[in-house]
Amino acid sequence: MSNATIIQTNNDLFIGSDSATSLLLDDQLYRLDTKATKLFKFDNLVLFCSGDLNYCYRIMAMFSSHKTKSVYFLREILLDTHQDEVVDVVIGEYKENKTWLYQLSPYNNFDIVTYTDIPEGDVNIVTAGIRVMESYNSVCNSVSAGKNVREVYKAVFDEISYEGIGGTLTVFRVNREGISEYLKYQIKEKENLKVINYESILNHFKKHLIVGERVYGKQV
């Protein structure tokens, strides 16, 4: 699971996420890699899909192969395929002269939560995935301090980075002009980051393997 941070006005929608993957061993989270894709573009839609990456990639492949790209069809896929996998989906688009944001999560049976009609001059801040309170508060503080959108995203992901969040931050912008890549940024990693290595994997299996002196069996 990763973090998606969204800044939405009536005319512009920014959605950003990182590229880190992690692994939990013996209740300790380790950084596995920084090459994962969490944001996807389909026609006029930008999707954040994160959690169990094998499941996420399968969902995105099914969605991509269908002619109709809609939030409702994506919900049908999730309802038909979900078997307790960890997943969180956020979708952004621009239509009818305004931005639209949708959130689909298993905790409410993937009911579509919609954010639109943002009053002129107001900003809607939505965070999804993990470390949502931390990223939300960081955005609010940065916006209150007068930082521009690029500075906000850099500050947020530098602040919330850890084994589960990091790598490359990608931010897409959605507005009347379409979808464009707004920012690509290398997140500042924490100095004490725990990275998976041969020793940590070996220690894990040493703790969980059962070794016997002999094996006795009988075929019947």
C-alpha atoms as a PDB file:
ATOM      1  CA  MET A   1       0.000   0.000   0.000  1.00  0.00           C
ATOM      2  CA  SER A   2       1.234   3.473  -0.828  1.00  0.00           C
ATOM      3  CA  ASN A   3       0.024   7.037  -0.408  1.00  0.00           C
ATOM      4  CA  ALA A   4      -1.980   9.158  -2.812  1.00  0.00           C
ATOM      5  CA  THR A   5      -2.271  12.857  -2.076  1.00  0.00           C
ATOM      6  CA  ILE A   6      -4.817  14.873  -4.043  1.00  0.00           C
ATOM      7  CA  ILE A   7      -5.243  18.644  -4.258  1.00  0.00           C
ATOM      8  CA  GLN A   8      -8.490  19.589  -5.991  1.00  0.00           C
ATOM      9  CA  THR A   9     -10.053  22.863  -7.049  1.00  0.00           C
ATOM     10  CA  ASN A  10     -12.984  23.311  -9.398  1.00  0.00           C
ATOM     11  CA  ASN A  11     -10.628  23.810 -12.365  1.00  0.00           C
ATOM     12  CA  ASP A  12      -7.551  21.712 -11.488  1.00  0.00           C
ATOM     13  CA  LEU A  13      -6.925  18.361  -9.885  1.00  0.00           C
ATOM     14  CA  PHE A  14      -3.450  17.198  -8.840  1.00  0.00           C
ATOM     15  CA  ILE A  15      -2.849  13.594  -7.839  1.00  0.00           C
ATOM     16  CA  GLY A  16       0.539  12.324  -6.698  1.00  0.00           C
ATOM     17  CA  SER A  17       1.968   9.041  -5.496  1.00  0.00           C
ATOM     18  CA  ASP A  18       5.324   7.330  -4.957  1.00  0.00           C
ATOM     19  CA  SER A  19       6.953   4.201  -6.401  1.00  0.00           C
ATOM     20  CA  ALA A  20       8.041   2.231  -3.316  1.00  0.00           C
ATOM     21  CA  THR A  21       7.204  -1.377  -2.528  1.00  0.00           C
ATOM     22  CA  SER A  22       7.774  -2.976   0.863  1.00  0.00           C
ATOM     23  CA  LEU A  23       7.762  -6.348   2.588  1.00  0.00           C
ATOM     24  CA  LEU A  24       6.726  -7.273   6.129  1.00  0.00           C
ATOM     25  CA  LEU A  25       8.985  -9.814   7.860  1.00  0.00           C
ATOM     26  CA  ASP A  26       8.619 -10.681  11.553  1.00  0.00           C
ATOM     27  CA  ASP A  27       6.508  -7.561  12.166  1.00  0.00           C
ATOM     28  CA  GLN A  28       9.235  -5.376  10.654  1.00  0.00           C
ATOM     29  CA  LEU A  29       8.610  -3.480   7.414  1.00  0.00           C
ATOM     30  CA  TYR A  30      11.437  -3.432   4.866  1.00  0.00           C
ATOM     31  CA  ARG A  31      11.859  -1.462   1.644  1.00  0.00           C
ATOM     32  CA  LEU A  32      11.766  -3.901  -1.253  1.00  0.00           C
ATOM     33  CA  ASP A  33      12.037  -1.732  -4.369  1.00  0.00           C
ATOM     34  CA  THR A  34      11.249   1.686  -5.884  1.00  0.00           C
ATOM     35  CA  LYS A  35      10.038   0.677  -9.345  1.00  0.00           C
ATOM     36  CA  ALA A  36       6.311   0.155  -8.831  1.00  0.00           C
ATOM     37  CA  THR A  37       3.616   1.995 -10.784  1.00  0.00           C
ATOM     38  CA  LYS A  38       0.760   3.337  -8.661  1.00  0.00           C
ATOM     39  CA  LEU A  39      -0.728   5.918 -11.064  1.00  0.00           C
ATOM     40  CA  PHE A  40      -2.326   4.898 -14.362  1.00  0.00           C
ATOM     41  CA  LYS A  41      -3.743   6.924 -17.277  1.00  0.00           C
ATOM     42  CA  PHE A  42      -6.737   5.710 -19.282  1.00  0.00           C
ATOM     43  CA  ASP A  43      -8.241   8.117 -21.823  1.00  0.00           C
ATOM     44  CA  ASN A  44      -9.476  11.046 -19.701  1.00  0.00           C
ATOM     45  CA  LEU A  45      -8.983   9.266 -16.354  1.00  0.00           C
ATOM     46  CA  VAL A  46      -6.077   9.134 -13.906  1.00  0.00           C
ATOM     47  CA  LEU A  47      -6.193   6.234 -11.453  1.00  0.00           C
ATOM     48  CA  PHE A  48      -4.343   5.568  -8.233  1.00  0.00           C
ATOM     49  CA  CYS A  49      -4.449   1.858  -7.430  1.00  0.00           C
ATOM     50  CA  SER A  50      -2.333   0.486  -4.612  1.00  0.00           C
ATOM     51  CA  GLY A  51      -2.238  -2.291  -2.061  1.00  0.00           C
ATOM     52  CA  ASP A  52      -1.557  -5.871  -3.097  1.00  0.00           C
ATOM     53  CA  LEU A  53       0.335  -5.018  -6.302  1.00  0.00           C
ATOM     54  CA  ASN A  54      -0.345  -8.345  -8.032  1.00  0.00           C
ATOM     55  CA  TYR A  55      -4.052  -7.737  -7.537  1.00  0.00           C
ATOM     56  CA  CYS A  56      -3.772  -4.059  -8.515  1.00  0.00           C
ATOM     57  CA  TYR A  57      -1.977  -4.857 -11.763  1.00  0.00           C
ATOM     58  CA  ARG A  58      -4.553  -7.524 -12.583  1.00  0.00           C
ATOM     59  CA  ILE A  59      -7.390  -5.047 -12.014  1.00  0.00           C
ATOM     60  CA  MET A  60      -5.700  -2.428 -14.193  1.00  0.00           C
ATOM     61  CA  ALA A  61      -5.156  -4.988 -16.985  1.00  0.00           C
ATOM     62  CA  MET A  62      -8.837  -5.966 -16.904  1.00  0.00           C
ATOM     63  CA  PHE A  63      -9.909  -2.335 -16.913  1.00  0.00           C
ATOM     64  CA  SER A  64      -7.541  -1.486 -19.763  1.00  0.00           C
ATOM     65  CA  SER A  65      -8.855  -4.287 -21.988  1.00  0.00           C
ATOM     66  CA  HIS A  66     -12.440  -3.030 -21.844  1.00  0.00           C
ATOM     67  CA  LYS A  67     -13.749  -0.462 -24.330  1.00  0.00           C
ATOM     68  CA  THR A  68     -15.730   1.420 -21.711  1.00  0.00           C
ATOM     69  CA  LYS A  69     -13.572   3.204 -19.175  1.00  0.00           C
ATOM     70  CA  SER A  70     -15.850   4.337 -16.373  1.00  0.00           C
ATOM     71  CA  VAL A  71     -15.855   4.454 -12.598  1.00  0.00           C
ATOM     72  CA  TYR A  72     -18.931   2.238 -12.537  1.00  0.00           C
ATOM     73  CA  PHE A  73     -17.320  -0.469 -14.637  1.00  0.00           C
ATOM     74  CA  LEU A  74     -14.224  -0.396 -12.434  1.00  0.00           C
ATOM     75  CA  ARG A  75     -16.440  -0.887  -9.392  1.00  0.00           C
ATOM     76  CA  GLU A  76     -17.996  -3.944 -11.059  1.00  0.00           C
ATOM     77  CA  ILE A  77     -14.532  -5.426 -11.598  1.00  0.00           C
ATOM     78  CA  LEU A  78     -13.620  -4.835  -7.967  1.00  0.00           C
ATOM     79  CA  LEU A  79     -16.863  -6.366  -6.697  1.00  0.00           C
ATOM     80  CA  ASP A  80     -16.434  -9.431  -8.935  1.00  0.00           C
ATOM     81  CA  THR A  81     -12.765 -10.089  -8.153  1.00  0.00           C
ATOM     82  CA  HIS A  82     -12.023  -8.834  -4.656  1.00  0.00           C
ATOM     83  CA  GLN A  83     -11.212 -11.552  -2.115  1.00  0.00           C
ATOM     84  CA  ASP A  84      -9.950  -9.588   0.900  1.00  0.00           C
ATOM     85  CA  GLU A  85      -6.916  -8.171  -0.938  1.00  0.00           C
ATOM     86  CA  VAL A  86      -5.608  -4.864   0.372  1.00  0.00           C
ATOM     87  CA  VAL A  87      -6.524  -2.233  -2.223  1.00  0.00           C
ATOM     88  CA  ASP A  88      -7.463   1.436  -2.466  1.00  0.00           C
ATOM     89  CA  VAL A  89      -8.535   3.180  -5.681  1.00  0.00           C
ATOM     90  CA  VAL A  90      -8.839   6.892  -6.450  1.00  0.00           C
ATOM     91  CA  ILE A  91      -9.909   8.254  -9.858  1.00  0.00           C
ATOM     92  CA  GLY A  92      -9.683  11.785 -11.193  1.00  0.00           C
ATOM     93  CA  GLU A  93     -11.169  13.325 -14.326  1.00  0.00           C
ATOM     94  CA  TYR A  94     -12.343  16.614 -15.817  1.00  0.00           C
ATOM     95  CA  LYS A  95     -15.814  16.792 -17.343  1.00  0.00           C
ATOM     96  CA  GLU A  96     -18.760  19.193 -17.493  1.00  0.00           C
ATOM     97  CA  ASN A  97     -16.369  22.123 -16.910  1.00  0.00           C
ATOM     98  CA  LYS A  98     -15.190  20.914 -13.501  1.00  0.00           C
ATOM     99  CA  THR A  99     -12.989  18.342 -11.803  1.00  0.00           C
ATOM    100  CA  TRP A 100     -14.316  15.067 -10.425  1.00  0.00           C
ATOM    101  CA  LEU A 101     -12.671  12.801  -7.872  1.00  0.00           C
ATOM    102  CA  TYR A 102     -13.900   9.318  -6.931  1.00  0.00           C
ATOM    103  CA  GLN A 103     -12.728   6.977  -4.188  1.00  0.00           C
ATOM    104  CA  LEU A 104     -13.346   3.214  -4.070  1.00  0.00           C
ATOM    105  CA  SER A 105     -12.393   1.203  -0.981  1.00  0.00           C
ATOM    106  CA  PRO A 106     -13.332  -2.266   0.324  1.00  0.00           C
ATOM    107  CA  TYR A 107     -14.344  -0.954   3.755  1.00  0.00           C
ATOM    108  CA  ASN A 108     -17.637   0.374   2.303  1.00  0.00           C
ATOM    109  CA  ASN A 109     -18.168  -2.315  -0.351  1.00  0.00           C
ATOM    110  CA  PHE A 110     -16.557  -0.088  -2.997  1.00  0.00           C
ATOM    111  CA  ASP A 111     -19.402   2.415  -2.904  1.00  0.00           C
ATOM    112  CA  ILE A 112     -18.364   5.386  -5.030  1.00  0.00           C
ATOM    113  CA  VAL A 113     -17.468   8.432  -2.925  1.00  0.00           C
ATOM    114  CA  THR A 114     -17.518  11.530  -5.164  1.00  0.00           C
ATOM    115  CA  TYR A 115     -15.923  14.959  -4.732  1.00  0.00           C
ATOM    116  CA  THR A 116     -16.883  17.713  -7.182  1.00  0.00           C
ATOM    117  CA  ASP A 117     -18.444  21.194  -7.356  1.00  0.00           C
ATOM    118  CA  ILE A 118     -15.602  22.718  -5.354  1.00  0.00           C
ATOM    119  CA  PRO A 119     -16.572  26.342  -4.568  1.00  0.00           C
ATOM    120  CA  GLU A 120     -14.528  29.031  -6.312  1.00  0.00           C
ATOM    121  CA  GLY A 121     -11.435  29.825  -4.270  1.00  0.00           C
ATOM    122  CA  ASP A 122     -11.699  26.663  -2.133  1.00  0.00           C
ATOM    123  CA  VAL A 123      -9.310  23.713  -2.099  1.00  0.00           C
ATOM    124  CA  ASN A 124     -10.312  20.103  -1.421  1.00  0.00           C
ATOM    125  CA  ILE A 125      -7.555  17.914   0.033  1.00  0.00           C
ATOM    126  CA  VAL A 126      -7.956  14.128  -0.094  1.00  0.00           C
ATOM    127  CA  THR A 127      -5.438  11.490   0.946  1.00  0.00           C
ATOM    128  CA  ALA A 128      -5.683   7.726   0.390  1.00  0.00           C
ATOM    129  CA  GLY A 129      -3.688   4.591   1.110  1.00  0.00           C
ATOM    130  CA  ILE A 130      -1.321   4.780   4.085  1.00  0.00           C
ATOM    131  CA  ARG A 131      -0.121   7.634   6.334  1.00  0.00           C
ATOM    132  CA  VAL A 132      -3.224   9.558   5.300  1.00  0.00           C
ATOM    133  CA  MET A 133      -3.470  11.772   8.394  1.00  0.00           C
ATOM    134  CA  GLU A 134       0.213  12.665   8.179  1.00  0.00           C
ATOM    135  CA  SER A 135      -0.014  13.613   4.501  1.00  0.00           C
ATOM    136  CA  TYR A 136      -3.279  15.520   5.000  1.00  0.00           C
ATOM    137  CA  ASN A 137      -1.856  17.594   7.846  1.00  0.00           C
ATOM    138  CA  SER A 138       1.350  18.206   5.905  1.00  0.00           C
ATOM    139  CA  VAL A 139      -0.589  19.507   2.890  1.00  0.00           C
ATOM    140  CA  CYS A 140      -2.696  21.791   5.088  1.00  0.00           C
ATOM    141  CA  ASN A 141       0.410  23.202   6.769  1.00  0.00           C
ATOM    142  CA  SER A 142       2.205  23.758   3.448  1.00  0.00           C
ATOM    143  CA  VAL A 143      -0.813  25.416   1.825  1.00  0.00           C
ATOM    144  CA  SER A 144      -1.274  27.660   4.879  1.00  0.00           C
ATOM    145  CA  ALA A 145       2.408  28.621   4.597  1.00  0.00           C
ATOM    146  CA  GLY A 146       1.812  29.817   1.033  1.00  0.00           C
ATOM    147  CA  LYS A 147       3.805  27.136  -0.786  1.00  0.00           C
ATOM    148  CA  ASN A 148       3.001  26.447  -4.431  1.00  0.00           C
ATOM    149  CA  VAL A 149       1.754  23.024  -5.548  1.00  0.00           C
ATOM    150  CA  ARG A 150       5.188  21.675  -6.491  1.00  0.00           C
ATOM    151  CA  GLU A 151       6.651  22.719  -3.148  1.00  0.00           C
ATOM    152  CA  VAL A 152       3.675  21.211  -1.323  1.00  0.00           C
ATOM    153  CA  TYR A 153       4.113  17.786  -2.906  1.00  0.00           C
ATOM    154  CA  LYS A 154       7.859  17.714  -2.335  1.00  0.00           C
ATOM    155  CA  ALA A 155       7.441  18.691   1.321  1.00  0.00           C
ATOM    156  CA  VAL A 156       4.658  16.170   1.932  1.00  0.00           C
ATOM    157  CA  PHE A 157       6.417  13.121   0.510  1.00  0.00           C
ATOM    158  CA  ASP A 158       9.774  14.019   2.042  1.00  0.00           C
ATOM    159  CA  GLU A 159       7.990  14.211   5.393  1.00  0.00           C
ATOM    160  CA  ILE A 160       5.978  10.961   5.174  1.00  0.00           C
ATOM    161  CA  SER A 161       8.656   8.817   3.506  1.00  0.00           C
ATOM    162  CA  TYR A 162       9.632   5.574   5.246  1.00  0.00           C
ATOM    163  CA  GLU A 163       9.964   1.905   4.245  1.00  0.00           C
ATOM    164  CA  GLY A 164       6.458   1.917   2.737  1.00  0.00           C
ATOM    165  CA  ILE A 165       6.627   5.282   0.923  1.00  0.00           C
ATOM    166  CA  GLY A 166       9.505   6.574  -1.163  1.00  0.00           C
ATOM    167  CA  GLY A 167      11.350   6.335  -4.452  1.00  0.00           C
ATOM    168  CA  THR A 168      10.037   8.589  -7.194  1.00  0.00           C
ATOM    169  CA  LEU A 169       7.094  10.928  -6.688  1.00  0.00           C
ATOM    170  CA  THR A 170       4.911  11.396  -9.770  1.00  0.00           C
ATOM    171  CA  VAL A 171       2.184  14.042  -9.881  1.00  0.00           C
ATOM    172  CA  PHE A 172      -0.405  14.324 -12.645  1.00  0.00           C
ATOM    173  CA  ARG A 173      -2.501  17.405 -13.361  1.00  0.00           C
ATOM    174  CA  VAL A 174      -6.060  17.046 -14.655  1.00  0.00           C
ATOM    175  CA  ASN A 175      -7.943  20.029 -16.072  1.00  0.00           C
ATOM    176  CA  ARG A 176      -9.673  21.401 -19.165  1.00  0.00           C
ATOM    177  CA  GLU A 177      -6.511  20.832 -21.218  1.00  0.00           C
ATOM    178  CA  GLY A 178      -6.466  17.103 -20.392  1.00  0.00           C
ATOM    179  CA  ILE A 179      -3.967  15.075 -18.380  1.00  0.00           C
ATOM    180  CA  SER A 180      -0.323  16.058 -18.058  1.00  0.00           C
ATOM    181  CA  GLU A 181       2.632  15.008 -15.951  1.00  0.00           C
ATOM    182  CA  TYR A 182       3.127  17.911 -13.571  1.00  0.00           C
ATOM    183  CA  LEU A 183       6.036  16.791 -11.399  1.00  0.00           C
ATOM    184  CA  LYS A 184       8.676  14.072 -11.175  1.00  0.00           C
ATOM    185  CA  TYR A 185      10.706  14.186  -7.966  1.00  0.00           C
ATOM    186  CA  GLN A 186      13.164  11.929  -6.144  1.00  0.00           C
ATOM    187  CA  ILE A 187      11.878  11.659  -2.593  1.00  0.00           C
ATOM    188  CA  LYS A 188      14.402  12.263   0.186  1.00  0.00           C
ATOM    189  CA  GLU A 189      14.755   8.936   1.971  1.00  0.00           C
ATOM    190  CA  LYS A 190      15.262   8.617   5.722  1.00  0.00           C
ATOM    191  CA  GLU A 191      18.828   7.783   6.817  1.00  0.00           C
ATOM    192  CA  ASN A 192      17.766   4.764   8.916  1.00  0.00           C
ATOM    193  CA  LEU A 193      15.696   3.166   6.134  1.00  0.00           C
ATOM    194  CA  LYS A 194      15.482  -0.620   6.519  1.00  0.00           C
ATOM    195  CA  VAL A 195      16.094  -2.246   3.132  1.00  0.00           C
ATOM    196  CA  ILE A 196      15.503  -5.930   2.416  1.00  0.00           C
ATOM    197  CA  ASN A 197      18.713  -7.895   1.950  1.00  0.00           C
ATOM    198  CA  TYR A 198      19.989 -11.464   1.976  1.00  0.00           C
ATOM    199  CA  GLU A 199      20.686 -11.430   5.725  1.00  0.00           C
ATOM    200  CA  SER A 200      17.186 -10.298   6.719  1.00  0.00           C
ATOM    201  CA  ILE A 201      15.574 -12.939   4.477  1.00  0.00           C
ATOM    202  CA  LEU A 202      17.907 -15.656   5.813  1.00  0.00           C
ATOM    203  CA  ASN A 203      17.145 -14.719   9.413  1.00  0.00           C
ATOM    204  CA  HIS A 204      13.413 -14.855   8.655  1.00  0.00           C
ATOM    205  CA  PHE A 205      13.568 -18.372   7.229  1.00  0.00           C
ATOM    206  CA  LYS A 206      15.852 -19.606   9.992  1.00  0.00           C
ATOM    207  CA  LYS A 207      13.141 -18.656  12.483  1.00  0.00           C
ATOM    208  CA  HIS A 208      10.343 -20.328  10.533  1.00  0.00           C
ATOM    209  CA  LEU A 209      11.932 -23.513   9.195  1.00  0.00           C
ATOM    210  CA  ILE A 210      11.546 -26.804  11.071  1.00  0.00           C
ATOM    211  CA  VAL A 211      14.528 -29.111  10.860  1.00  0.00           C
ATOM    212  CA  GLY A 212      14.216 -32.829  11.642  1.00  0.00           C
ATOM    213  CA  GLU A 213      16.929 -35.429  12.054  1.00  0.00           C
ATOM    214  CA  ARG A 214      15.083 -38.077  10.064  1.00  0.00           C
ATOM    215  CA  VAL A 215      11.921 -38.585   8.098  1.00  0.00           C
ATOM    216  CA  TYR A 216       9.950 -41.809   8.435  1.00  0.00           C
ATOM    217  CA  GLY A 217       7.143 -42.787   6.127  1.00  0.00           C
ATOM    218  CA  LYS A 218       5.258 -45.725   4.806  1.00  0.00           C
ATOM    219  CA  GLN A 219       3.487 -46.061   1.496  1.00  0.00           C
ATOM    220  CA  VAL A 220       0.204 -47.952   1.565  1.00  0.00           C
END
